[in-house]
């Protein structure tokens, strides 16, 4: 996941190369296919449109301005990612102290914003959960649309934070999928179940596998 991609790097060795290979077909799609792809991606915005009006911070306001403000939040998140990404490329290697200071200021600004919103606008923990449920599908839909428009925007400054966000999405999804599997693999009862499943025929015939293994080790 953390290896850099590039020319000659196999998709199995780098996330960036894999991501580029997965979306390479969009470069050669005709205009009608791209339009259909964009229209299909719009379905992810329905969750955001429906959930933002259920936030307590909106005070049951059904005005369209509430939906526009949710997009302001999304644009602000992309801007923060762009800021941290630029600071990482320019300062992380030579000026680590300044880079850490910028990350600290960014973190404090985000925390201060949450505190002010909770005090002034009655932002609750449930609102934060609902925002995550609303913005995650929206972010995924934006990533799909951006991949369709990649030949037009990949040479602009906005492309780098888009790659960072896409990497974060895949990294988070991989963690959610494989972390429970890794935890279960360490449990002794799961190991016993795996052994039972693998050697089910031997257990059903009341054979002992361990003497065979011990006999082989003694012969060696």
N, C-alpha and C. Protein backbone atom coordinates (compact mmCIF):
# COMPACT_ATOMS: atom_id res chain seq x y z
N UNK A 1 0.81 -1.21 0.00
CA UNK A 1 0.00 0.00 0.00
C UNK A 1 0.85 1.27 0.00
N UNK A 2 2.00 1.23 0.63
CA UNK A 2 2.82 2.43 0.79
C UNK A 2 3.89 2.58 -0.28
N UNK A 3 4.06 1.59 -1.15
CA UNK A 3 5.09 1.68 -2.19
C UNK A 3 4.67 2.65 -3.29
N UNK A 4 5.65 3.40 -3.79
CA UNK A 4 5.39 4.34 -4.86
C UNK A 4 5.23 3.60 -6.19
N UNK A 5 4.31 4.09 -7.01
CA UNK A 5 4.12 3.52 -8.32
C UNK A 5 4.96 4.23 -9.36
N UNK A 6 4.78 3.85 -10.60
CA UNK A 6 5.53 4.46 -11.68
C UNK A 6 5.65 3.52 -12.86
N UNK A 7 6.43 3.94 -13.84
CA UNK A 7 6.63 3.14 -15.04
C UNK A 7 7.42 1.88 -14.70
N UNK A 8 6.89 0.73 -15.09
CA UNK A 8 7.57 -0.53 -14.85
C UNK A 8 7.26 -1.19 -13.53
N UNK A 9 6.53 -0.52 -12.64
CA UNK A 9 6.17 -1.09 -11.34
C UNK A 9 4.91 -1.92 -11.51
N UNK A 10 4.95 -3.17 -11.10
CA UNK A 10 3.82 -4.07 -11.25
C UNK A 10 2.69 -3.68 -10.29
N UNK A 11 1.43 -3.93 -10.69
CA UNK A 11 0.31 -3.61 -9.80
C UNK A 11 0.36 -4.35 -8.48
N UNK A 12 1.00 -5.54 -8.46
CA UNK A 12 1.10 -6.30 -7.21
C UNK A 12 2.09 -5.67 -6.23
N UNK A 13 2.94 -4.78 -6.72
CA UNK A 13 3.98 -4.19 -5.89
C UNK A 13 3.63 -2.81 -5.35
N UNK A 14 2.63 -2.17 -5.91
CA UNK A 14 2.33 -0.80 -5.53
C UNK A 14 0.84 -0.53 -5.67
N UNK A 15 0.29 0.19 -4.69
CA UNK A 15 -1.12 0.56 -4.76
C UNK A 15 -1.37 1.51 -5.92
N UNK A 16 -0.47 2.46 -6.12
CA UNK A 16 -0.66 3.44 -7.18
C UNK A 16 -0.71 2.78 -8.55
N UNK A 17 0.18 1.82 -8.78
CA UNK A 17 0.18 1.10 -10.06
C UNK A 17 -1.10 0.29 -10.22
N UNK A 18 -1.54 -0.34 -9.14
CA UNK A 18 -2.79 -1.11 -9.19
C UNK A 18 -3.97 -0.20 -9.48
N UNK A 19 -4.02 0.96 -8.83
CA UNK A 19 -5.12 1.91 -9.03
C UNK A 19 -5.15 2.42 -10.45
N UNK A 20 -3.98 2.72 -11.00
CA UNK A 20 -3.92 3.19 -12.39
C UNK A 20 -4.34 2.10 -13.36
N UNK A 21 -3.95 0.85 -13.08
CA UNK A 21 -4.33 -0.25 -13.97
C UNK A 21 -5.83 -0.53 -13.92
N UNK A 22 -6.43 -0.39 -12.73
CA UNK A 22 -7.86 -0.65 -12.60
C UNK A 22 -8.70 0.38 -13.35
N UNK A 23 -8.19 1.60 -13.47
CA UNK A 23 -8.96 2.66 -14.12
C UNK A 23 -8.43 3.02 -15.50
N UNK A 24 -7.55 2.18 -16.04
CA UNK A 24 -6.96 2.49 -17.35
C UNK A 24 -8.00 2.44 -18.47
N UNK A 25 -9.04 1.62 -18.31
CA UNK A 25 -10.04 1.50 -19.37
C UNK A 25 -10.83 2.78 -19.58
N UNK A 26 -10.90 3.63 -18.52
CA UNK A 26 -11.66 4.87 -18.65
C UNK A 26 -11.00 5.86 -19.61
N UNK A 27 -9.70 5.72 -19.81
CA UNK A 27 -9.00 6.61 -20.73
C UNK A 27 -9.45 6.39 -22.18
N UNK A 28 -9.85 5.18 -22.48
CA UNK A 28 -10.19 4.83 -23.86
C UNK A 28 -11.69 4.69 -24.08
N UNK A 29 -12.47 5.13 -23.10
CA UNK A 29 -13.93 5.07 -23.24
C UNK A 29 -14.42 6.23 -24.09
N UNK A 30 -15.48 5.98 -24.82
CA UNK A 30 -16.08 7.04 -25.64
C UNK A 30 -16.87 7.98 -24.75
N UNK A 31 -17.31 9.09 -25.32
CA UNK A 31 -17.99 10.12 -24.54
C UNK A 31 -19.28 9.62 -23.93
N UNK A 32 -20.05 8.83 -24.68
CA UNK A 32 -21.32 8.33 -24.16
C UNK A 32 -21.10 7.42 -22.95
N UNK A 33 -20.06 6.60 -22.99
CA UNK A 33 -19.76 5.72 -21.86
C UNK A 33 -19.37 6.53 -20.63
N UNK A 34 -18.63 7.60 -20.83
CA UNK A 34 -18.24 8.44 -19.70
C UNK A 34 -19.44 9.15 -19.09
N UNK A 35 -20.35 9.60 -19.94
CA UNK A 35 -21.55 10.26 -19.42
C UNK A 35 -22.39 9.29 -18.61
N UNK A 36 -22.55 8.08 -19.10
CA UNK A 36 -23.31 7.06 -18.36
C UNK A 36 -22.62 6.74 -17.04
N UNK A 37 -21.30 6.67 -17.05
CA UNK A 37 -20.55 6.39 -15.82
C UNK A 37 -20.76 7.49 -14.79
N UNK A 38 -20.75 8.75 -15.24
CA UNK A 38 -20.97 9.87 -14.33
C UNK A 38 -22.39 9.84 -13.77
N UNK A 39 -23.36 9.56 -14.62
CA UNK A 39 -24.75 9.49 -14.16
C UNK A 39 -24.95 8.38 -13.13
N UNK A 40 -24.28 7.26 -13.32
CA UNK A 40 -24.37 6.17 -12.35
C UNK A 40 -23.73 6.55 -11.03
N UNK A 41 -22.70 7.37 -11.08
CA UNK A 41 -22.02 7.78 -9.85
C UNK A 41 -22.86 8.74 -9.02
N UNK A 42 -23.82 9.40 -9.64
CA UNK A 42 -24.65 10.36 -8.91
C UNK A 42 -25.51 9.70 -7.84
N UNK A 43 -25.67 8.39 -7.92
CA UNK A 43 -26.50 7.70 -6.92
C UNK A 43 -25.90 7.79 -5.53
N UNK A 44 -24.59 7.97 -5.43
CA UNK A 44 -23.96 8.05 -4.11
C UNK A 44 -24.28 9.37 -3.41
N UNK A 45 -24.70 10.39 -4.17
CA UNK A 45 -25.02 11.67 -3.56
C UNK A 45 -26.40 11.68 -2.91
N UNK A 46 -27.21 10.67 -3.20
CA UNK A 46 -28.55 10.61 -2.62
C UNK A 46 -28.46 10.43 -1.10
N UNK A 47 -27.48 9.64 -0.62
CA UNK A 47 -27.32 9.43 0.82
C UNK A 47 -27.04 10.75 1.52
N UNK A 48 -26.15 11.55 0.94
CA UNK A 48 -25.83 12.83 1.55
C UNK A 48 -27.05 13.74 1.58
N UNK A 49 -27.77 13.80 0.48
CA UNK A 49 -28.94 14.68 0.41
C UNK A 49 -30.00 14.29 1.44
N UNK A 50 -30.14 12.99 1.68
CA UNK A 50 -31.15 12.55 2.64
C UNK A 50 -30.71 12.67 4.09
N UNK A 51 -29.41 12.48 4.36
CA UNK A 51 -28.95 12.45 5.74
C UNK A 51 -28.66 13.82 6.33
N UNK A 52 -28.25 14.79 5.51
CA UNK A 52 -27.90 16.09 6.07
C UNK A 52 -29.11 16.79 6.69
N UNK A 53 -30.30 16.47 6.23
CA UNK A 53 -31.49 17.09 6.79
C UNK A 53 -31.94 16.42 8.08
N UNK A 54 -31.29 15.32 8.46
CA UNK A 54 -31.60 14.67 9.73
C UNK A 54 -30.62 15.05 10.83
N UNK A 55 -29.71 15.95 10.54
CA UNK A 55 -28.76 16.40 11.56
C UNK A 55 -29.45 17.33 12.54
N UNK A 56 -29.09 17.18 13.81
CA UNK A 56 -29.64 18.08 14.82
C UNK A 56 -29.16 19.51 14.63
N UNK A 57 -27.95 19.64 14.05
CA UNK A 57 -27.39 20.97 13.85
C UNK A 57 -28.19 21.76 12.82
N UNK A 58 -28.94 21.08 11.97
CA UNK A 58 -29.76 21.78 10.97
C UNK A 58 -31.06 22.30 11.55
N UNK A 59 -31.45 21.85 12.76
CA UNK A 59 -32.65 22.32 13.45
C UNK A 59 -33.90 22.14 12.58
N UNK A 60 -33.97 20.98 11.92
CA UNK A 60 -35.13 20.64 11.08
C UNK A 60 -35.35 21.64 9.94
N UNK A 61 -34.29 22.30 9.53
CA UNK A 61 -34.39 23.24 8.42
C UNK A 61 -34.29 22.48 7.10
N UNK A 62 -35.29 22.60 6.26
CA UNK A 62 -35.33 21.89 4.98
C UNK A 62 -34.87 22.76 3.81
N UNK A 63 -34.23 23.85 4.11
CA UNK A 63 -33.75 24.74 3.06
C UNK A 63 -32.61 24.09 2.28
N UNK A 64 -32.52 24.42 1.00
CA UNK A 64 -31.46 23.86 0.15
C UNK A 64 -30.08 24.36 0.58
N UNK A 65 -30.05 25.44 1.36
CA UNK A 65 -28.78 25.98 1.84
C UNK A 65 -28.06 24.97 2.74
N UNK A 66 -28.82 24.15 3.44
CA UNK A 66 -28.21 23.13 4.30
C UNK A 66 -27.40 22.14 3.46
N UNK A 67 -27.96 21.75 2.33
CA UNK A 67 -27.24 20.84 1.44
C UNK A 67 -26.00 21.49 0.85
N UNK A 68 -26.08 22.77 0.52
CA UNK A 68 -24.91 23.48 0.00
C UNK A 68 -23.82 23.61 1.06
N UNK A 69 -24.21 23.82 2.31
CA UNK A 69 -23.22 23.90 3.39
C UNK A 69 -22.50 22.57 3.58
N UNK A 70 -23.19 21.47 3.34
CA UNK A 70 -22.52 20.17 3.44
C UNK A 70 -21.43 20.04 2.37
N UNK A 71 -21.66 20.63 1.21
CA UNK A 71 -20.62 20.62 0.17
C UNK A 71 -19.46 21.53 0.54
N UNK A 72 -19.74 22.60 1.27
CA UNK A 72 -18.65 23.45 1.77
C UNK A 72 -17.75 22.66 2.71
N UNK A 73 -18.35 21.81 3.53
CA UNK A 73 -17.56 20.96 4.43
C UNK A 73 -16.69 20.00 3.63
N UNK A 74 -17.24 19.40 2.58
CA UNK A 74 -16.47 18.47 1.75
C UNK A 74 -15.30 19.18 1.08
N UNK A 75 -15.56 20.38 0.54
CA UNK A 75 -14.49 21.15 -0.10
C UNK A 75 -13.42 21.53 0.92
N UNK A 76 -13.83 21.83 2.15
CA UNK A 76 -12.86 22.15 3.20
C UNK A 76 -11.98 20.95 3.53
N UNK A 77 -12.58 19.76 3.54
CA UNK A 77 -11.79 18.55 3.81
C UNK A 77 -10.76 18.32 2.71
N UNK A 78 -11.17 18.51 1.46
CA UNK A 78 -10.22 18.37 0.35
C UNK A 78 -9.12 19.41 0.46
N UNK A 79 -9.47 20.63 0.88
CA UNK A 79 -8.45 21.66 1.06
C UNK A 79 -7.46 21.32 2.15
N UNK A 80 -7.94 20.75 3.25
CA UNK A 80 -7.02 20.33 4.32
C UNK A 80 -6.09 19.22 3.85
N UNK A 81 -6.64 18.28 3.09
CA UNK A 81 -5.79 17.21 2.55
C UNK A 81 -4.74 17.78 1.62
N UNK A 82 -5.13 18.75 0.79
CA UNK A 82 -4.18 19.40 -0.11
C UNK A 82 -3.09 20.12 0.67
N UNK A 83 -3.46 20.80 1.74
CA UNK A 83 -2.49 21.53 2.56
C UNK A 83 -1.48 20.58 3.19
N UNK A 84 -1.97 19.51 3.80
CA UNK A 84 -1.07 18.55 4.45
C UNK A 84 -0.20 17.85 3.41
N UNK A 85 -0.75 17.55 2.25
CA UNK A 85 0.02 16.88 1.20
C UNK A 85 1.14 17.77 0.68
N UNK A 86 0.84 19.04 0.45
CA UNK A 86 1.88 19.98 -0.01
C UNK A 86 2.96 20.15 1.04
N UNK A 87 2.54 20.27 2.31
CA UNK A 87 3.53 20.40 3.38
C UNK A 87 4.38 19.15 3.51
N UNK A 88 3.77 17.98 3.28
CA UNK A 88 4.52 16.73 3.37
C UNK A 88 5.58 16.64 2.28
N UNK A 89 5.24 17.05 1.06
CA UNK A 89 6.20 16.96 -0.04
C UNK A 89 7.33 17.97 0.08
N UNK A 90 7.04 19.16 0.59
CA UNK A 90 8.02 20.23 0.59
C UNK A 90 8.81 20.35 1.89
N UNK A 91 8.22 19.89 3.01
CA UNK A 91 8.85 20.13 4.30
C UNK A 91 9.21 18.89 5.09
N UNK A 92 8.61 17.73 4.76
CA UNK A 92 8.79 16.56 5.61
C UNK A 92 10.22 16.05 5.63
N UNK A 93 10.96 16.22 4.54
CA UNK A 93 12.32 15.68 4.47
C UNK A 93 13.36 16.62 5.07
N UNK A 94 13.22 17.93 4.85
CA UNK A 94 14.23 18.87 5.29
C UNK A 94 13.82 19.67 6.53
N UNK A 95 12.54 19.93 6.67
CA UNK A 95 12.06 20.75 7.79
C UNK A 95 10.95 19.99 8.52
N UNK A 96 11.34 18.95 9.21
CA UNK A 96 10.36 18.10 9.88
C UNK A 96 9.65 18.85 11.01
N UNK A 97 10.37 19.73 11.71
CA UNK A 97 9.77 20.46 12.82
C UNK A 97 8.65 21.37 12.32
N UNK A 98 8.90 22.07 11.21
CA UNK A 98 7.87 22.94 10.65
C UNK A 98 6.68 22.12 10.15
N UNK A 99 6.96 20.96 9.55
CA UNK A 99 5.88 20.09 9.07
C UNK A 99 5.02 19.59 10.21
N UNK A 100 5.64 19.19 11.30
CA UNK A 100 4.88 18.74 12.47
C UNK A 100 4.09 19.89 13.08
N UNK A 101 4.66 21.09 13.05
CA UNK A 101 3.94 22.25 13.57
C UNK A 101 2.70 22.54 12.73
N UNK A 102 2.83 22.41 11.40
CA UNK A 102 1.67 22.62 10.52
C UNK A 102 0.60 21.56 10.78
N UNK A 103 1.01 20.31 10.97
CA UNK A 103 0.03 19.27 11.28
C UNK A 103 -0.64 19.53 12.62
N UNK A 104 0.12 20.03 13.59
CA UNK A 104 -0.47 20.35 14.89
C UNK A 104 -1.48 21.48 14.76
N UNK A 105 -1.14 22.52 14.00
CA UNK A 105 -2.08 23.62 13.79
C UNK A 105 -3.33 23.15 13.08
N UNK A 106 -3.17 22.26 12.10
CA UNK A 106 -4.34 21.73 11.40
C UNK A 106 -5.23 20.93 12.34
N UNK A 107 -4.61 20.11 13.17
CA UNK A 107 -5.39 19.32 14.14
C UNK A 107 -6.11 20.22 15.13
N UNK A 108 -5.41 21.23 15.63
CA UNK A 108 -6.04 22.15 16.59
C UNK A 108 -7.17 22.94 15.93
N UNK A 109 -7.00 23.31 14.66
CA UNK A 109 -8.06 24.03 13.96
C UNK A 109 -9.31 23.17 13.80
N UNK A 110 -9.11 21.89 13.49
CA UNK A 110 -10.26 20.98 13.34
C UNK A 110 -10.95 20.77 14.68
N UNK A 111 -10.17 20.55 15.73
CA UNK A 111 -10.76 20.35 17.06
C UNK A 111 -11.50 21.60 17.52
N UNK A 112 -10.89 22.77 17.28
CA UNK A 112 -11.54 24.03 17.66
C UNK A 112 -12.85 24.22 16.90
N UNK A 113 -12.87 23.85 15.63
CA UNK A 113 -14.10 23.96 14.84
C UNK A 113 -15.20 23.08 15.41
N UNK A 114 -14.84 21.85 15.80
CA UNK A 114 -15.83 20.96 16.40
C UNK A 114 -16.35 21.52 17.72
N UNK A 115 -15.47 22.08 18.53
CA UNK A 115 -15.89 22.64 19.82
C UNK A 115 -16.82 23.83 19.61
N UNK A 116 -16.47 24.71 18.68
CA UNK A 116 -17.32 25.87 18.41
C UNK A 116 -18.68 25.44 17.87
N UNK A 117 -18.69 24.45 16.98
CA UNK A 117 -19.96 23.98 16.43
C UNK A 117 -20.82 23.31 17.51
N UNK A 118 -20.18 22.59 18.42
CA UNK A 118 -20.94 21.94 19.50
C UNK A 118 -21.50 22.96 20.48
N UNK A 119 -20.77 24.06 20.69
CA UNK A 119 -21.22 25.07 21.65
C UNK A 119 -22.25 26.03 21.03
N UNK A 120 -22.02 26.43 19.79
CA UNK A 120 -22.87 27.43 19.17
C UNK A 120 -24.05 26.83 18.41
N UNK A 121 -23.81 25.71 17.75
CA UNK A 121 -24.85 25.12 16.89
C UNK A 121 -25.37 23.78 17.40
N UNK A 122 -24.96 23.38 18.60
CA UNK A 122 -25.45 22.14 19.22
C UNK A 122 -25.08 20.91 18.40
N UNK A 123 -23.83 20.87 17.93
CA UNK A 123 -23.35 19.68 17.22
C UNK A 123 -23.16 18.54 18.20
N UNK A 124 -23.72 17.37 17.91
CA UNK A 124 -23.66 16.22 18.80
C UNK A 124 -22.81 15.11 18.20
N UNK A 125 -22.55 14.09 19.02
CA UNK A 125 -21.80 12.93 18.54
C UNK A 125 -22.58 12.20 17.45
N UNK A 126 -23.89 12.13 17.62
CA UNK A 126 -24.72 11.49 16.60
C UNK A 126 -24.64 12.23 15.27
N UNK A 127 -24.52 13.56 15.34
CA UNK A 127 -24.36 14.32 14.10
C UNK A 127 -23.06 13.96 13.38
N UNK A 128 -21.99 13.75 14.15
CA UNK A 128 -20.72 13.37 13.54
C UNK A 128 -20.82 12.00 12.87
N UNK A 129 -21.54 11.07 13.52
CA UNK A 129 -21.72 9.74 12.93
C UNK A 129 -22.54 9.83 11.64
N UNK A 130 -23.60 10.63 11.69
CA UNK A 130 -24.43 10.80 10.49
C UNK A 130 -23.65 11.48 9.38
N UNK A 131 -22.79 12.44 9.74
CA UNK A 131 -21.95 13.10 8.73
C UNK A 131 -21.01 12.10 8.06
N UNK A 132 -20.45 11.20 8.86
CA UNK A 132 -19.58 10.18 8.27
C UNK A 132 -20.36 9.28 7.32
N UNK A 133 -21.56 8.88 7.73
CA UNK A 133 -22.39 8.04 6.86
C UNK A 133 -22.81 8.78 5.60
N UNK A 134 -22.89 10.11 5.67
CA UNK A 134 -23.29 10.89 4.50
C UNK A 134 -22.12 11.19 3.58
N UNK A 135 -20.97 11.53 4.18
CA UNK A 135 -19.84 12.00 3.38
C UNK A 135 -19.01 10.87 2.77
N UNK A 136 -18.98 9.71 3.41
CA UNK A 136 -18.19 8.61 2.86
C UNK A 136 -18.73 8.15 1.50
N UNK A 137 -20.04 7.90 1.33
CA UNK A 137 -20.52 7.58 -0.02
C UNK A 137 -20.34 8.72 -1.01
N UNK A 138 -20.49 9.97 -0.53
CA UNK A 138 -20.29 11.11 -1.42
C UNK A 138 -18.85 11.18 -1.90
N UNK A 139 -17.91 10.97 -0.99
CA UNK A 139 -16.50 10.97 -1.38
C UNK A 139 -16.19 9.88 -2.38
N UNK A 140 -16.80 8.71 -2.19
CA UNK A 140 -16.57 7.62 -3.14
C UNK A 140 -17.14 7.96 -4.52
N UNK A 141 -18.32 8.57 -4.53
CA UNK A 141 -18.90 8.98 -5.81
C UNK A 141 -18.05 10.03 -6.51
N UNK A 142 -17.51 10.97 -5.74
CA UNK A 142 -16.63 11.98 -6.33
C UNK A 142 -15.36 11.35 -6.90
N UNK A 143 -14.82 10.36 -6.20
CA UNK A 143 -13.63 9.68 -6.71
C UNK A 143 -13.92 8.97 -8.03
N UNK A 144 -15.09 8.35 -8.13
CA UNK A 144 -15.45 7.68 -9.38
C UNK A 144 -15.60 8.67 -10.53
N UNK A 145 -16.21 9.83 -10.23
CA UNK A 145 -16.37 10.85 -11.27
C UNK A 145 -15.02 11.42 -11.68
N UNK A 146 -14.17 11.64 -10.70
CA UNK A 146 -12.84 12.19 -10.99
C UNK A 146 -12.03 11.22 -11.85
N UNK A 147 -12.18 9.93 -11.62
CA UNK A 147 -11.48 8.95 -12.45
C UNK A 147 -11.93 9.01 -13.90
N UNK A 148 -13.21 9.31 -14.11
CA UNK A 148 -13.70 9.47 -15.48
C UNK A 148 -13.09 10.72 -16.12
N UNK A 149 -12.94 11.78 -15.32
CA UNK A 149 -12.42 13.05 -15.82
C UNK A 149 -10.90 13.15 -15.70
N UNK A 150 -10.25 12.07 -15.37
CA UNK A 150 -8.81 12.12 -15.12
C UNK A 150 -7.99 12.70 -16.27
N UNK A 151 -8.23 12.34 -17.53
CA UNK A 151 -7.39 12.92 -18.60
C UNK A 151 -7.43 14.44 -18.65
N UNK A 152 -8.48 15.06 -18.10
CA UNK A 152 -8.62 16.51 -18.15
C UNK A 152 -8.01 17.21 -16.93
N UNK A 153 -7.88 16.51 -15.81
CA UNK A 153 -7.49 17.20 -14.57
C UNK A 153 -6.24 16.64 -13.92
N UNK A 154 -5.66 15.56 -14.45
CA UNK A 154 -4.56 14.92 -13.75
C UNK A 154 -3.29 15.77 -13.74
N UNK A 155 -3.22 16.78 -14.57
CA UNK A 155 -2.03 17.63 -14.60
C UNK A 155 -2.20 18.90 -13.76
N UNK A 156 -3.32 19.01 -13.06
CA UNK A 156 -3.56 20.15 -12.19
C UNK A 156 -3.22 19.78 -10.74
N UNK A 157 -3.15 20.81 -9.89
CA UNK A 157 -2.73 20.59 -8.50
C UNK A 157 -3.75 19.80 -7.70
N UNK A 158 -5.01 19.77 -8.15
CA UNK A 158 -6.05 19.07 -7.41
C UNK A 158 -5.88 17.56 -7.47
N UNK A 159 -5.09 17.05 -8.42
CA UNK A 159 -5.00 15.61 -8.61
C UNK A 159 -4.28 14.92 -7.46
N UNK A 160 -3.29 15.56 -6.86
CA UNK A 160 -2.52 14.92 -5.78
C UNK A 160 -3.38 14.65 -4.55
N UNK A 161 -4.16 15.62 -4.04
CA UNK A 161 -5.04 15.27 -2.90
C UNK A 161 -6.09 14.23 -3.25
N UNK A 162 -6.51 14.18 -4.51
CA UNK A 162 -7.46 13.14 -4.91
C UNK A 162 -6.83 11.76 -4.77
N UNK A 163 -5.57 11.62 -5.17
CA UNK A 163 -4.88 10.35 -5.00
C UNK A 163 -4.72 9.99 -3.53
N UNK A 164 -4.44 10.99 -2.70
CA UNK A 164 -4.30 10.74 -1.26
C UNK A 164 -5.62 10.25 -0.68
N UNK A 165 -6.72 10.89 -1.07
CA UNK A 165 -8.04 10.48 -0.56
C UNK A 165 -8.40 9.08 -1.06
N UNK A 166 -8.11 8.79 -2.32
CA UNK A 166 -8.38 7.45 -2.85
C UNK A 166 -7.57 6.39 -2.12
N UNK A 167 -6.31 6.71 -1.83
CA UNK A 167 -5.47 5.78 -1.07
C UNK A 167 -6.03 5.56 0.32
N UNK A 168 -6.52 6.64 0.95
CA UNK A 168 -7.11 6.51 2.29
C UNK A 168 -8.37 5.66 2.26
N UNK A 169 -9.19 5.80 1.22
CA UNK A 169 -10.40 4.98 1.10
C UNK A 169 -10.04 3.50 1.01
N UNK A 170 -9.12 3.16 0.12
CA UNK A 170 -8.75 1.75 -0.05
C UNK A 170 -8.06 1.20 1.19
N UNK A 171 -7.24 2.02 1.82
CA UNK A 171 -6.56 1.58 3.05
C UNK A 171 -7.57 1.33 4.16
N UNK A 172 -8.54 2.24 4.29
CA UNK A 172 -9.56 2.06 5.32
C UNK A 172 -10.44 0.85 5.06
N UNK A 173 -10.83 0.64 3.80
CA UNK A 173 -11.64 -0.52 3.47
C UNK A 173 -10.88 -1.82 3.72
N UNK A 174 -9.60 -1.83 3.36
CA UNK A 174 -8.79 -3.02 3.62
C UNK A 174 -8.66 -3.32 5.09
N UNK A 175 -8.52 -2.25 5.89
CA UNK A 175 -8.42 -2.44 7.34
C UNK A 175 -9.72 -3.00 7.91
N UNK A 176 -10.85 -2.44 7.47
CA UNK A 176 -12.14 -2.91 7.97
C UNK A 176 -12.41 -4.36 7.59
N UNK A 177 -11.95 -4.77 6.42
CA UNK A 177 -12.21 -6.13 5.95
C UNK A 177 -11.28 -7.16 6.59
N UNK A 178 -9.99 -6.82 6.69
CA UNK A 178 -9.00 -7.82 7.09
C UNK A 178 -8.65 -7.77 8.58
N UNK A 179 -8.96 -6.68 9.26
CA UNK A 179 -8.65 -6.63 10.69
C UNK A 179 -9.44 -7.66 11.49
N UNK A 180 -10.77 -7.81 11.27
CA UNK A 180 -11.47 -8.88 11.99
C UNK A 180 -10.94 -10.27 11.66
N UNK A 181 -10.55 -10.49 10.39
CA UNK A 181 -10.00 -11.79 10.02
C UNK A 181 -8.68 -12.04 10.73
N UNK A 182 -7.84 -11.01 10.84
CA UNK A 182 -6.57 -11.16 11.54
C UNK A 182 -6.77 -11.44 13.03
N UNK A 183 -7.76 -10.78 13.63
CA UNK A 183 -8.05 -11.02 15.05
C UNK A 183 -8.55 -12.44 15.26
N UNK A 184 -9.44 -12.89 14.41
CA UNK A 184 -9.97 -14.25 14.54
C UNK A 184 -8.88 -15.30 14.31
N UNK A 185 -7.92 -14.99 13.43
CA UNK A 185 -6.87 -15.96 13.15
C UNK A 185 -5.97 -16.21 14.36
N UNK A 186 -5.89 -15.23 15.27
CA UNK A 186 -5.06 -15.39 16.47
C UNK A 186 -5.77 -16.12 17.60
N UNK A 187 -7.06 -16.35 17.47
CA UNK A 187 -7.81 -17.01 18.53
C UNK A 187 -7.60 -18.52 18.45
N UNK A 188 -7.29 -19.17 19.57
CA UNK A 188 -7.02 -20.62 19.56
C UNK A 188 -8.20 -21.45 19.08
N UNK A 189 -9.41 -21.03 19.43
CA UNK A 189 -10.57 -21.82 19.04
C UNK A 189 -10.75 -21.81 17.52
N UNK A 190 -10.42 -20.69 16.87
CA UNK A 190 -10.51 -20.62 15.41
C UNK A 190 -9.48 -21.54 14.77
N UNK A 191 -8.27 -21.57 15.37
CA UNK A 191 -7.24 -22.47 14.86
C UNK A 191 -7.66 -23.93 14.97
N UNK A 192 -8.32 -24.26 16.08
CA UNK A 192 -8.81 -25.64 16.24
C UNK A 192 -9.89 -25.97 15.22
N UNK A 193 -10.77 -25.00 14.95
CA UNK A 193 -11.81 -25.23 13.95
C UNK A 193 -11.21 -25.41 12.57
N UNK A 194 -10.18 -24.60 12.24
CA UNK A 194 -9.52 -24.75 10.94
C UNK A 194 -8.88 -26.13 10.80
N UNK A 195 -8.23 -26.59 11.87
CA UNK A 195 -7.62 -27.92 11.83
C UNK A 195 -8.68 -29.00 11.64
N UNK A 196 -9.80 -28.83 12.32
CA UNK A 196 -10.87 -29.82 12.21
C UNK A 196 -11.44 -29.85 10.79
N UNK A 197 -11.59 -28.67 10.19
CA UNK A 197 -12.14 -28.61 8.84
C UNK A 197 -11.17 -29.19 7.82
N UNK A 198 -9.87 -28.87 7.97
CA UNK A 198 -8.88 -29.35 7.02
C UNK A 198 -8.72 -30.87 7.06
N UNK A 199 -8.78 -31.41 8.28
CA UNK A 199 -8.56 -32.84 8.45
C UNK A 199 -9.83 -33.53 8.92
N UNK A 200 -10.95 -33.11 8.36
CA UNK A 200 -12.24 -33.65 8.79
C UNK A 200 -12.33 -35.15 8.49
N UNK A 201 -11.83 -35.58 7.35
CA UNK A 201 -11.90 -37.00 6.99
C UNK A 201 -11.07 -37.85 7.95
N UNK A 202 -9.91 -37.31 8.33
CA UNK A 202 -9.07 -38.06 9.27
C UNK A 202 -9.73 -38.17 10.63
N UNK A 203 -10.36 -37.10 11.08
CA UNK A 203 -11.04 -37.16 12.37
C UNK A 203 -12.23 -38.10 12.33
N UNK A 204 -12.93 -38.12 11.21
CA UNK A 204 -14.09 -39.00 11.12
C UNK A 204 -13.69 -40.47 11.13
N UNK A 205 -12.50 -40.80 10.67
CA UNK A 205 -12.01 -42.17 10.69
C UNK A 205 -11.24 -42.48 11.97
N UNK A 206 -11.26 -41.53 12.90
CA UNK A 206 -10.61 -41.71 14.20
C UNK A 206 -9.12 -41.99 14.06
N UNK A 207 -8.48 -41.26 13.15
CA UNK A 207 -7.04 -41.37 12.96
C UNK A 207 -6.35 -40.26 13.72
N UNK A 208 -5.19 -40.52 14.22
CA UNK A 208 -4.38 -39.54 14.92
C UNK A 208 -3.30 -39.04 13.97
N UNK A 209 -3.29 -37.77 13.70
CA UNK A 209 -2.33 -37.20 12.77
C UNK A 209 -0.99 -36.95 13.44
N UNK A 210 -1.02 -36.64 14.72
CA UNK A 210 0.22 -36.28 15.40
C UNK A 210 1.27 -37.39 15.38
N UNK A 211 0.93 -38.67 15.58
CA UNK A 211 1.97 -39.72 15.51
C UNK A 211 2.67 -39.77 14.16
N UNK A 212 1.93 -39.53 13.07
CA UNK A 212 2.57 -39.52 11.76
C UNK A 212 3.59 -38.39 11.66
N UNK A 213 3.23 -37.21 12.17
CA UNK A 213 4.15 -36.07 12.12
C UNK A 213 5.37 -36.32 12.98
N UNK A 214 5.16 -36.88 14.19
CA UNK A 214 6.29 -37.18 15.08
C UNK A 214 7.20 -38.22 14.46
N UNK A 215 6.60 -39.22 13.79
CA UNK A 215 7.42 -40.24 13.14
C UNK A 215 8.28 -39.68 12.03
N UNK A 216 7.75 -38.76 11.28
CA UNK A 216 8.53 -38.14 10.21
C UNK A 216 9.68 -37.32 10.76
N UNK A 217 9.43 -36.58 11.85
CA UNK A 217 10.50 -35.77 12.43
C UNK A 217 11.61 -36.65 13.00
N UNK A 218 11.26 -37.81 13.57
CA UNK A 218 12.29 -38.71 14.11
C UNK A 218 13.14 -39.31 12.99
N UNK A 219 12.52 -39.63 11.86
CA UNK A 219 13.28 -40.18 10.74
C UNK A 219 14.28 -39.17 10.19
N UNK A 220 13.89 -37.89 10.20
CA UNK A 220 14.81 -36.87 9.73
C UNK A 220 16.00 -36.71 10.68
